[in-house]
Structures are given as C-alpha cells and as structure tokens.
C-alpha cells in the first residue's frame, strides 16, 4: 500500500481554470483511493484528447494509466462531458486494481 500517488496531466492546457479546479478535486479523490490499492509508489497518467470539435461541442477522449510496480492498469473513456469522462476513466482504473 502506497502512502501517496503523484499524477501527471497531458492535454489539459486549453481547459479553463474553473473546470480544472473541479477536475483536480475529482482526481485527488480518486488518487487517494488508488494510493490505498497500490502496492508500491505509483504514478497516475491522465491524457486528454479532443476529438470531433464542433460548434455544439466536442468529444473528450481520456486515457488513464497507473504504473504500480510491474503492473499497469489502464482505461479509456470517450464522452461529451469532460468531468464525467475523467471520473469514469479513473473509476475504471480503480475497479481494475480492486
């Protein structure tokens, strides 16, 4: 069981600060759960890609990956709601680790 987990974000530079504040809180909550499940010091990578950008909105493609010692847990979610996509991707990683 690891004490903490560090996370790295990629592709989030265009997201406004108010949305990033909510996303970071969501990631922190999930990161604590991942740290409890992790056997060793782990790193959580979350990558955002926007696909099908349109006038009425875009689709967010989220990849989440945890490297825990020799094990790698990964998930992939595509959603029109960025917050839901991040939440679902992290929950899938937690379910895989559990």
PDB file of N, CA and C in Angstrom:
ATOM      1  N   UNK A   1       0.847  -1.190   0.000  1.00  0.00           N
ATOM      2  CA  UNK A   1       0.000   0.000   0.000  1.00  0.00           C
ATOM      3  C   UNK A   1       0.885   1.244   0.000  1.00  0.00           C
ATOM      4  N   UNK A   2       0.700   2.101  -0.962  1.00  0.00           N
ATOM      5  CA  UNK A   2       1.467   3.337  -1.071  1.00  0.00           C
ATOM      6  C   UNK A   2       0.799   4.433  -0.235  1.00  0.00           C
ATOM      7  N   UNK A   3       1.599   5.377   0.209  1.00  0.00           N
ATOM      8  CA  UNK A   3       1.052   6.481   1.008  1.00  0.00           C
ATOM      9  C   UNK A   3       0.388   7.539   0.132  1.00  0.00           C
ATOM     10  N   UNK A   4       1.046   7.862  -0.952  1.00  0.00           N
ATOM     11  CA  UNK A   4       0.537   8.898  -1.850  1.00  0.00           C
ATOM     12  C   UNK A   4       0.717   8.450  -3.289  1.00  0.00           C
ATOM     13  N   UNK A   5       0.067   9.170  -4.153  1.00  0.00           N
ATOM     14  CA  UNK A   5       0.252   8.907  -5.581  1.00  0.00           C
ATOM     15  C   UNK A   5       0.405  10.248  -6.292  1.00  0.00           C
ATOM     16  N   UNK A   6       1.387  10.327  -7.142  1.00  0.00           N
ATOM     17  CA  UNK A   6       1.595  11.520  -7.952  1.00  0.00           C
ATOM     18  C   UNK A   6       0.844  11.331  -9.259  1.00  0.00           C
ATOM     19  N   UNK A   7       0.352  12.430  -9.798  1.00  0.00           N
ATOM     20  CA  UNK A   7      -0.304  12.308 -11.095  1.00  0.00           C
ATOM     21  C   UNK A   7       0.210  13.352 -12.062  1.00  0.00           C
ATOM     22  N   UNK A   8       0.174  12.972 -13.338  1.00  0.00           N
ATOM     23  CA  UNK A   8       0.619  13.834 -14.421  1.00  0.00           C
ATOM     24  C   UNK A   8      -0.522  13.992 -15.414  1.00  0.00           C
ATOM     25  N   UNK A   9      -0.755  15.233 -15.826  1.00  0.00           N
ATOM     26  CA  UNK A   9      -1.808  15.527 -16.790  1.00  0.00           C
ATOM     27  C   UNK A   9      -1.185  15.943 -18.114  1.00  0.00           C
ATOM     28  N   UNK A  10      -1.784  15.510 -19.201  1.00  0.00           N
ATOM     29  CA  UNK A  10      -1.352  15.926 -20.529  1.00  0.00           C
ATOM     30  C   UNK A  10      -2.584  16.294 -21.349  1.00  0.00           C
ATOM     31  N   UNK A  11      -2.490  17.394 -22.077  1.00  0.00           N
ATOM     32  CA  UNK A  11      -3.583  17.805 -22.959  1.00  0.00           C
ATOM     33  C   UNK A  11      -4.637  18.671 -22.297  1.00  0.00           C
ATOM     34  N   UNK A  12      -4.431  19.076 -21.053  1.00  0.00           N
ATOM     35  CA  UNK A  12      -5.425  19.856 -20.323  1.00  0.00           C
ATOM     36  C   UNK A  12      -5.163  21.365 -20.379  1.00  0.00           C
ATOM     37  N   UNK A  13      -4.177  21.814 -21.148  1.00  0.00           N
ATOM     38  CA  UNK A  13      -3.787  23.222 -21.168  1.00  0.00           C
ATOM     39  C   UNK A  13      -4.878  24.167 -21.683  1.00  0.00           C
ATOM     40  N   UNK A  14      -5.820  23.688 -22.486  1.00  0.00           N
ATOM     41  CA  UNK A  14      -6.878  24.544 -23.034  1.00  0.00           C
ATOM     42  C   UNK A  14      -8.133  24.599 -22.151  1.00  0.00           C
ATOM     43  N   UNK A  15      -8.148  23.862 -21.061  1.00  0.00           N
ATOM     44  CA  UNK A  15      -9.324  23.804 -20.194  1.00  0.00           C
ATOM     45  C   UNK A  15      -9.313  25.010 -19.262  1.00  0.00           C
ATOM     46  N   UNK A  16     -10.468  25.668 -19.110  1.00  0.00           N
ATOM     47  CA  UNK A  16     -10.500  26.879 -18.276  1.00  0.00           C
ATOM     48  C   UNK A  16     -10.263  26.544 -16.801  1.00  0.00           C
ATOM     49  N   UNK A  17      -9.837  27.545 -16.042  1.00  0.00           N
ATOM     50  CA  UNK A  17      -9.384  27.325 -14.666  1.00  0.00           C
ATOM     51  C   UNK A  17     -10.484  26.831 -13.735  1.00  0.00           C
ATOM     52  N   UNK A  18     -11.720  27.276 -13.926  1.00  0.00           N
ATOM     53  CA  UNK A  18     -12.801  26.814 -13.047  1.00  0.00           C
ATOM     54  C   UNK A  18     -13.090  25.329 -13.265  1.00  0.00           C
ATOM     55  N   UNK A  19     -13.057  24.880 -14.506  1.00  0.00           N
ATOM     56  CA  UNK A  19     -13.251  23.454 -14.790  1.00  0.00           C
ATOM     57  C   UNK A  19     -12.064  22.644 -14.270  1.00  0.00           C
ATOM     58  N   UNK A  20     -10.844  23.188 -14.406  1.00  0.00           N
ATOM     59  CA  UNK A  20      -9.653  22.475 -13.924  1.00  0.00           C
ATOM     60  C   UNK A  20      -9.678  22.309 -12.412  1.00  0.00           C
ATOM     61  N   UNK A  21     -10.226  23.283 -11.712  1.00  0.00           N
ATOM     62  CA  UNK A  21     -10.330  23.187 -10.253  1.00  0.00           C
ATOM     63  C   UNK A  21     -11.197  21.984  -9.862  1.00  0.00           C
ATOM     64  N   UNK A  22     -12.317  21.815 -10.537  1.00  0.00           N
ATOM     65  CA  UNK A  22     -13.217  20.682 -10.272  1.00  0.00           C
ATOM     66  C   UNK A  22     -12.546  19.376 -10.675  1.00  0.00           C
ATOM     67  N   UNK A  23     -11.892  19.372 -11.826  1.00  0.00           N
ATOM     68  CA  UNK A  23     -11.208  18.166 -12.302  1.00  0.00           C
ATOM     69  C   UNK A  23     -10.111  17.749 -11.323  1.00  0.00           C
ATOM     70  N   UNK A  24      -9.323  18.723 -10.843  1.00  0.00           N
ATOM     71  CA  UNK A  24      -8.258  18.405  -9.892  1.00  0.00           C
ATOM     72  C   UNK A  24      -8.799  17.828  -8.592  1.00  0.00           C
ATOM     73  N   UNK A  25      -9.923  18.355  -8.098  1.00  0.00           N
ATOM     74  CA  UNK A  25     -10.539  17.801  -6.882  1.00  0.00           C
ATOM     75  C   UNK A  25     -10.984  16.361  -7.125  1.00  0.00           C
ATOM     76  N   UNK A  26     -11.569  16.112  -8.294  1.00  0.00           N
ATOM     77  CA  UNK A  26     -12.013  14.770  -8.655  1.00  0.00           C
ATOM     78  C   UNK A  26     -10.816  13.822  -8.732  1.00  0.00           C
ATOM     79  N   UNK A  27      -9.742  14.268  -9.363  1.00  0.00           N
ATOM     80  CA  UNK A  27      -8.544  13.440  -9.479  1.00  0.00           C
ATOM     81  C   UNK A  27      -7.957  13.165  -8.095  1.00  0.00           C
ATOM     82  N   UNK A  28      -7.906  14.181  -7.235  1.00  0.00           N
ATOM     83  CA  UNK A  28      -7.381  13.988  -5.875  1.00  0.00           C
ATOM     84  C   UNK A  28      -8.160  12.920  -5.120  1.00  0.00           C
ATOM     85  N   UNK A  29      -9.476  12.948  -5.239  1.00  0.00           N
ATOM     86  CA  UNK A  29     -10.322  11.955  -4.564  1.00  0.00           C
ATOM     87  C   UNK A  29     -10.003  10.546  -5.066  1.00  0.00           C
ATOM     88  N   UNK A  30      -9.931  10.390  -6.374  1.00  0.00           N
ATOM     89  CA  UNK A  30      -9.623   9.080  -6.953  1.00  0.00           C
ATOM     90  C   UNK A  30      -8.184   8.664  -6.653  1.00  0.00           C
ATOM     91  N   UNK A  31      -7.269   9.626  -6.635  1.00  0.00           N
ATOM     92  CA  UNK A  31      -5.853   9.319  -6.380  1.00  0.00           C
ATOM     93  C   UNK A  31      -5.673   8.736  -4.978  1.00  0.00           C
ATOM     94  N   UNK A  32      -6.434   9.227  -4.019  1.00  0.00           N
ATOM     95  CA  UNK A  32      -6.364   8.662  -2.653  1.00  0.00           C
ATOM     96  C   UNK A  32      -6.805   7.205  -2.653  1.00  0.00           C
ATOM     97  N   UNK A  33      -7.863   6.898  -3.391  1.00  0.00           N
ATOM     98  CA  UNK A  33      -8.328   5.508  -3.484  1.00  0.00           C
ATOM     99  C   UNK A  33      -7.288   4.635  -4.180  1.00  0.00           C
ATOM    100  N   UNK A  34      -6.686   5.156  -5.239  1.00  0.00           N
ATOM    101  CA  UNK A  34      -5.659   4.407  -5.973  1.00  0.00           C
ATOM    102  C   UNK A  34      -4.453   4.162  -5.077  1.00  0.00           C
ATOM    103  N   UNK A  35      -4.070   5.166  -4.280  1.00  0.00           N
ATOM    104  CA  UNK A  35      -2.926   5.020  -3.375  1.00  0.00           C
ATOM    105  C   UNK A  35      -3.179   3.899  -2.361  1.00  0.00           C
ATOM    106  N   UNK A  36      -4.416   3.757  -1.909  1.00  0.00           N
ATOM    107  CA  UNK A  36      -4.756   2.691  -0.954  1.00  0.00           C
ATOM    108  C   UNK A  36      -4.651   1.310  -1.602  1.00  0.00           C
ATOM    109  N   UNK A  37      -4.951   1.231  -2.896  1.00  0.00           N
ATOM    110  CA  UNK A  37      -4.913  -0.044  -3.612  1.00  0.00           C
ATOM    111  C   UNK A  37      -3.524  -0.378  -4.156  1.00  0.00           C
ATOM    112  N   UNK A  38      -2.693   0.635  -4.336  1.00  0.00           N
ATOM    113  CA  UNK A  38      -1.372   0.431  -4.939  1.00  0.00           C
ATOM    114  C   UNK A  38      -0.437  -0.285  -3.970  1.00  0.00           C
ATOM    115  N   UNK A  39       0.375  -1.177  -4.516  1.00  0.00           N
ATOM    116  CA  UNK A  39       1.328  -1.916  -3.706  1.00  0.00           C
ATOM    117  C   UNK A  39       2.606  -1.115  -3.477  1.00  0.00           C
ATOM    118  N   UNK A  40       2.976  -0.307  -4.440  1.00  0.00           N
ATOM    119  CA  UNK A  40       4.213   0.472  -4.363  1.00  0.00           C
ATOM    120  C   UNK A  40       3.917   1.915  -4.732  1.00  0.00           C
ATOM    121  N   UNK A  41       4.949   2.750  -4.639  1.00  0.00           N
ATOM    122  CA  UNK A  41       4.835   4.132  -5.085  1.00  0.00           C
ATOM    123  C   UNK A  41       4.432   4.123  -6.558  1.00  0.00           C
ATOM    124  N   UNK A  42       3.355   4.800  -6.893  1.00  0.00           N
ATOM    125  CA  UNK A  42       2.794   4.738  -8.238  1.00  0.00           C
ATOM    126  C   UNK A  42       2.661   6.124  -8.848  1.00  0.00           C
ATOM    127  N   UNK A  43       2.519   6.137 -10.163  1.00  0.00           N
ATOM    128  CA  UNK A  43       2.271   7.381 -10.886  1.00  0.00           C
ATOM    129  C   UNK A  43       1.018   7.194 -11.735  1.00  0.00           C
ATOM    130  N   UNK A  44       0.139   8.162 -11.662  1.00  0.00           N
ATOM    131  CA  UNK A  44      -1.098   8.168 -12.444  1.00  0.00           C
ATOM    132  C   UNK A  44      -0.918   9.140 -13.603  1.00  0.00           C
ATOM    133  N   UNK A  45      -1.090   8.667 -14.819  1.00  0.00           N
ATOM    134  CA  UNK A  45      -1.007   9.496 -16.021  1.00  0.00           C
ATOM    135  C   UNK A  45      -2.418   9.647 -16.580  1.00  0.00           C
ATOM    136  N   UNK A  46      -2.826  10.888 -16.847  1.00  0.00           N
ATOM    137  CA  UNK A  46      -4.131  11.141 -17.458  1.00  0.00           C
ATOM    138  C   UNK A  46      -3.904  12.005 -18.693  1.00  0.00           C
ATOM    139  N   UNK A  47      -4.364  11.502 -19.826  1.00  0.00           N
ATOM    140  CA  UNK A  47      -4.177  12.208 -21.091  1.00  0.00           C
ATOM    141  C   UNK A  47      -5.535  12.559 -21.683  1.00  0.00           C
ATOM    142  N   UNK A  48      -5.676  13.806 -22.097  1.00  0.00           N
ATOM    143  CA  UNK A  48      -6.904  14.300 -22.717  1.00  0.00           C
ATOM    144  C   UNK A  48      -6.647  14.613 -24.181  1.00  0.00           C
ATOM    145  N   UNK A  49      -7.544  14.124 -25.027  1.00  0.00           N
ATOM    146  CA  UNK A  49      -7.535  14.494 -26.438  1.00  0.00           C
ATOM    147  C   UNK A  49      -8.947  14.922 -26.800  1.00  0.00           C
ATOM    148  N   UNK A  50      -9.050  16.007 -27.538  1.00  0.00           N
ATOM    149  CA  UNK A  50     -10.359  16.439 -28.042  1.00  0.00           C
ATOM    150  C   UNK A  50     -10.530  15.866 -29.428  1.00  0.00           C
ATOM    151  N   UNK A  51     -11.677  15.247 -29.669  1.00  0.00           N
ATOM    152  CA  UNK A  51     -11.973  14.710 -30.993  1.00  0.00           C
ATOM    153  C   UNK A  51     -13.306  15.272 -31.463  1.00  0.00           C
ATOM    154  N   UNK A  52     -13.447  15.406 -32.732  1.00  0.00           N
ATOM    155  CA  UNK A  52     -14.693  15.888 -33.341  1.00  0.00           C
ATOM    156  C   UNK A  52     -15.113  17.239 -32.775  1.00  0.00           C
ATOM    157  N   UNK A  53     -14.195  18.207 -32.792  1.00  0.00           N
ATOM    158  CA  UNK A  53     -14.557  19.545 -32.328  1.00  0.00           C
ATOM    159  C   UNK A  53     -15.581  20.153 -33.271  1.00  0.00           C
ATOM    160  N   UNK A  54     -16.677  20.612 -32.697  1.00  0.00           N
ATOM    161  CA  UNK A  54     -17.768  21.196 -33.479  1.00  0.00           C
ATOM    162  C   UNK A  54     -18.281  22.432 -32.776  1.00  0.00           C
ATOM    163  N   UNK A  55     -19.182  23.120 -33.450  1.00  0.00           N
ATOM    164  CA  UNK A  55     -19.786  24.313 -32.883  1.00  0.00           C
ATOM    165  C   UNK A  55     -20.588  23.991 -31.625  1.00  0.00           C
ATOM    166  N   UNK A  56     -21.261  22.845 -31.611  1.00  0.00           N
ATOM    167  CA  UNK A  56     -22.106  22.488 -30.470  1.00  0.00           C
ATOM    168  C   UNK A  56     -21.359  21.699 -29.406  1.00  0.00           C
ATOM    169  N   UNK A  57     -20.057  21.591 -29.529  1.00  0.00           N
ATOM    170  CA  UNK A  57     -19.283  20.897 -28.511  1.00  0.00           C
ATOM    171  C   UNK A  57     -18.342  19.881 -29.114  1.00  0.00           C
ATOM    172  N   UNK A  58     -17.477  19.382 -28.263  1.00  0.00           N
ATOM    173  CA  UNK A  58     -16.514  18.393 -28.715  1.00  0.00           C
ATOM    174  C   UNK A  58     -16.673  17.111 -27.901  1.00  0.00           C
ATOM    175  N   UNK A  59     -15.965  16.105 -28.332  1.00  0.00           N
ATOM    176  CA  UNK A  59     -15.950  14.841 -27.615  1.00  0.00           C
ATOM    177  C   UNK A  59     -14.569  14.717 -26.979  1.00  0.00           C
ATOM    178  N   UNK A  60     -14.552  14.366 -25.702  1.00  0.00           N
ATOM    179  CA  UNK A  60     -13.301  14.237 -24.958  1.00  0.00           C
ATOM    180  C   UNK A  60     -12.895  12.778 -24.873  1.00  0.00           C
ATOM    181  N   UNK A  61     -11.646  12.535 -25.170  1.00  0.00           N
ATOM    182  CA  UNK A  61     -11.072  11.196 -25.149  1.00  0.00           C
ATOM    183  C   UNK A  61     -10.064  11.171 -23.994  1.00  0.00           C
ATOM    184  N   UNK A  62     -10.330  10.374 -22.971  1.00  0.00           N
ATOM    185  CA  UNK A  62      -9.482  10.322 -21.784  1.00  0.00           C
ATOM    186  C   UNK A  62      -8.821   8.955 -21.678  1.00  0.00           C
ATOM    187  N   UNK A  63      -7.506   8.978 -21.493  1.00  0.00           N
ATOM    188  CA  UNK A  63      -6.731   7.771 -21.221  1.00  0.00           C
ATOM    189  C   UNK A  63      -6.148   7.932 -19.820  1.00  0.00           C
ATOM    190  N   UNK A  64      -6.371   6.964 -18.945  1.00  0.00           N
ATOM    191  CA  UNK A  64      -5.792   6.976 -17.604  1.00  0.00           C
ATOM    192  C   UNK A  64      -4.969   5.711 -17.429  1.00  0.00           C
ATOM    193  N   UNK A  65      -3.808   5.864 -16.800  1.00  0.00           N
ATOM    194  CA  UNK A  65      -2.916   4.722 -16.616  1.00  0.00           C
ATOM    195  C   UNK A  65      -2.203   4.858 -15.281  1.00  0.00           C
ATOM    196  N   UNK A  66      -2.151   3.751 -14.537  1.00  0.00           N
ATOM    197  CA  UNK A  66      -1.398   3.695 -13.289  1.00  0.00           C
ATOM    198  C   UNK A  66      -0.330   2.627 -13.435  1.00  0.00           C
ATOM    199  N   UNK A  67       0.910   3.015 -13.167  1.00  0.00           N
ATOM    200  CA  UNK A  67       2.015   2.061 -13.138  1.00  0.00           C
ATOM    201  C   UNK A  67       2.300   1.756 -11.680  1.00  0.00           C
ATOM    202  N   UNK A  68       2.030   0.526 -11.271  1.00  0.00           N
ATOM    203  CA  UNK A  68       2.198   0.113  -9.874  1.00  0.00           C
ATOM    204  C   UNK A  68       3.203  -1.032  -9.833  1.00  0.00           C
ATOM    205  N   UNK A  69       4.452  -0.696  -9.594  1.00  0.00           N
ATOM    206  CA  UNK A  69       5.483  -1.730  -9.624  1.00  0.00           C
ATOM    207  C   UNK A  69       5.573  -2.278 -11.037  1.00  0.00           C
ATOM    208  N   UNK A  70       5.346  -3.576 -11.195  1.00  0.00           N
ATOM    209  CA  UNK A  70       5.382  -4.202 -12.508  1.00  0.00           C
ATOM    210  C   UNK A  70       4.030  -4.237 -13.190  1.00  0.00           C
ATOM    211  N   UNK A  71       2.994  -3.863 -12.480  1.00  0.00           N
ATOM    212  CA  UNK A  71       1.638  -3.913 -13.045  1.00  0.00           C
ATOM    213  C   UNK A  71       1.246  -2.565 -13.640  1.00  0.00           C
ATOM    214  N   UNK A  72       0.516  -2.620 -14.749  1.00  0.00           N
ATOM    215  CA  UNK A  72      -0.010  -1.411 -15.373  1.00  0.00           C
ATOM    216  C   UNK A  72      -1.518  -1.565 -15.495  1.00  0.00           C
ATOM    217  N   UNK A  73      -2.231  -0.584 -14.993  1.00  0.00           N
ATOM    218  CA  UNK A  73      -3.696  -0.573 -15.066  1.00  0.00           C
ATOM    219  C   UNK A  73      -4.089   0.618 -15.933  1.00  0.00           C
ATOM    220  N   UNK A  74      -4.898   0.362 -16.954  1.00  0.00           N
ATOM    221  CA  UNK A  74      -5.242   1.430 -17.894  1.00  0.00           C
ATOM    222  C   UNK A  74      -6.727   1.430 -18.211  1.00  0.00           C
ATOM    223  N   UNK A  75      -7.208   2.604 -18.602  1.00  0.00           N
ATOM    224  CA  UNK A  75      -8.596   2.714 -19.042  1.00  0.00           C
ATOM    225  C   UNK A  75      -8.689   3.779 -20.121  1.00  0.00           C
ATOM    226  N   UNK A  76      -9.786   3.721 -20.856  1.00  0.00           N
ATOM    227  CA  UNK A  76     -10.032   4.655 -21.950  1.00  0.00           C
ATOM    228  C   UNK A  76     -11.517   4.964 -21.968  1.00  0.00           C
ATOM    229  N   UNK A  77     -11.853   6.264 -21.944  1.00  0.00           N
ATOM    230  CA  UNK A  77     -13.256   6.687 -21.955  1.00  0.00           C
ATOM    231  C   UNK A  77     -13.418   7.833 -22.945  1.00  0.00           C
ATOM    232  N   UNK A  78     -14.513   7.811 -23.691  1.00  0.00           N
ATOM    233  CA  UNK A  78     -14.861   8.898 -24.601  1.00  0.00           C
ATOM    234  C   UNK A  78     -16.243   9.407 -24.205  1.00  0.00           C
ATOM    235  N   UNK A  79     -16.356  10.740 -24.027  1.00  0.00           N
ATOM    236  CA  UNK A  79     -17.622  11.320 -23.564  1.00  0.00           C
ATOM    237  C   UNK A  79     -17.689  12.782 -23.991  1.00  0.00           C
ATOM    238  N   UNK A  80     -18.899  13.306 -24.110  1.00  0.00           N
ATOM    239  CA  UNK A  80     -19.083  14.732 -24.412  1.00  0.00           C
ATOM    240  C   UNK A  80     -18.894  15.589 -23.159  1.00  0.00           C
ATOM    241  N   UNK A  81     -19.004  14.989 -21.991  1.00  0.00           N
ATOM    242  CA  UNK A  81     -18.840  15.699 -20.721  1.00  0.00           C
ATOM    243  C   UNK A  81     -17.449  15.389 -20.175  1.00  0.00           C
ATOM    244  N   UNK A  82     -16.592  16.401 -20.092  1.00  0.00           N
ATOM    245  CA  UNK A  82     -15.217  16.204 -19.657  1.00  0.00           C
ATOM    246  C   UNK A  82     -15.137  15.669 -18.231  1.00  0.00           C
ATOM    247  N   UNK A  83     -15.927  16.234 -17.332  1.00  0.00           N
ATOM    248  CA  UNK A  83     -15.886  15.801 -15.938  1.00  0.00           C
ATOM    249  C   UNK A  83     -16.307  14.339 -15.800  1.00  0.00           C
ATOM    250  N   UNK A  84     -17.335  13.950 -16.512  1.00  0.00           N
ATOM    251  CA  UNK A  84     -17.793  12.561 -16.482  1.00  0.00           C
ATOM    252  C   UNK A  84     -16.744  11.633 -17.081  1.00  0.00           C
ATOM    253  N   UNK A  85     -16.082  12.065 -18.137  1.00  0.00           N
ATOM    254  CA  UNK A  85     -15.064  11.241 -18.782  1.00  0.00           C
ATOM    255  C   UNK A  85     -13.898  10.976 -17.834  1.00  0.00           C
ATOM    256  N   UNK A  86     -13.419  12.019 -17.152  1.00  0.00           N
ATOM    257  CA  UNK A  86     -12.313  11.858 -16.200  1.00  0.00           C
ATOM    258  C   UNK A  86     -12.738  10.939 -15.062  1.00  0.00           C
ATOM    259  N   UNK A  87     -13.916  11.185 -14.521  1.00  0.00           N
ATOM    260  CA  UNK A  87     -14.431  10.381 -13.411  1.00  0.00           C
ATOM    261  C   UNK A  87     -14.556   8.909 -13.807  1.00  0.00           C
ATOM    262  N   UNK A  88     -15.140   8.642 -14.958  1.00  0.00           N
ATOM    263  CA  UNK A  88     -15.325   7.258 -15.408  1.00  0.00           C
ATOM    264  C   UNK A  88     -14.002   6.555 -15.691  1.00  0.00           C
ATOM    265  N   UNK A  89     -13.053   7.275 -16.284  1.00  0.00           N
ATOM    266  CA  UNK A  89     -11.753   6.673 -16.585  1.00  0.00           C
ATOM    267  C   UNK A  89     -11.031   6.284 -15.293  1.00  0.00           C
ATOM    268  N   UNK A  90     -11.067   7.163 -14.302  1.00  0.00           N
ATOM    269  CA  UNK A  90     -10.400   6.861 -13.030  1.00  0.00           C
ATOM    270  C   UNK A  90     -11.112   5.742 -12.278  1.00  0.00           C
ATOM    271  N   UNK A  91     -12.427   5.718 -12.346  1.00  0.00           N
ATOM    272  CA  UNK A  91     -13.175   4.649 -11.679  1.00  0.00           C
ATOM    273  C   UNK A  91     -12.866   3.303 -12.313  1.00  0.00           C
ATOM    274  N   UNK A  92     -12.690   3.266 -13.631  1.00  0.00           N
ATOM    275  CA  UNK A  92     -12.331   2.011 -14.306  1.00  0.00           C
ATOM    276  C   UNK A  92     -10.970   1.505 -13.836  1.00  0.00           C
ATOM    277  N   UNK A  93     -10.019   2.418 -13.656  1.00  0.00           N
ATOM    278  CA  UNK A  93      -8.690   2.032 -13.163  1.00  0.00           C
ATOM    279  C   UNK A  93      -8.818   1.464 -11.750  1.00  0.00           C
ATOM    280  N   UNK A  94      -9.597   2.119 -10.904  1.00  0.00           N
ATOM    281  CA  UNK A  94      -9.798   1.646  -9.524  1.00  0.00           C
ATOM    282  C   UNK A  94     -10.433   0.264  -9.531  1.00  0.00           C
ATOM    283  N   UNK A  95     -11.452   0.062 -10.372  1.00  0.00           N
ATOM    284  CA  UNK A  95     -12.108  -1.248 -10.455  1.00  0.00           C
ATOM    285  C   UNK A  95     -11.142  -2.328 -10.917  1.00  0.00           C
ATOM    286  N   UNK A  96     -10.247  -1.977 -11.840  1.00  0.00           N
ATOM    287  CA  UNK A  96      -9.278  -2.942 -12.343  1.00  0.00           C
ATOM    288  C   UNK A  96      -8.257  -3.310 -11.256  1.00  0.00           C
ATOM    289  N   UNK A  97      -7.878  -2.320 -10.440  1.00  0.00           N
ATOM    290  CA  UNK A  97      -6.904  -2.560  -9.372  1.00  0.00           C
ATOM    291  C   UNK A  97      -7.510  -3.376  -8.230  1.00  0.00           C
ATOM    292  N   UNK A  98      -8.807  -3.187  -8.012  1.00  0.00           N
ATOM    293  CA  UNK A  98      -9.508  -3.851  -6.909  1.00  0.00           C
ATOM    294  C   UNK A  98      -9.756  -5.264  -7.268  1.00  0.00           C
TER     295      UNK A  98
END
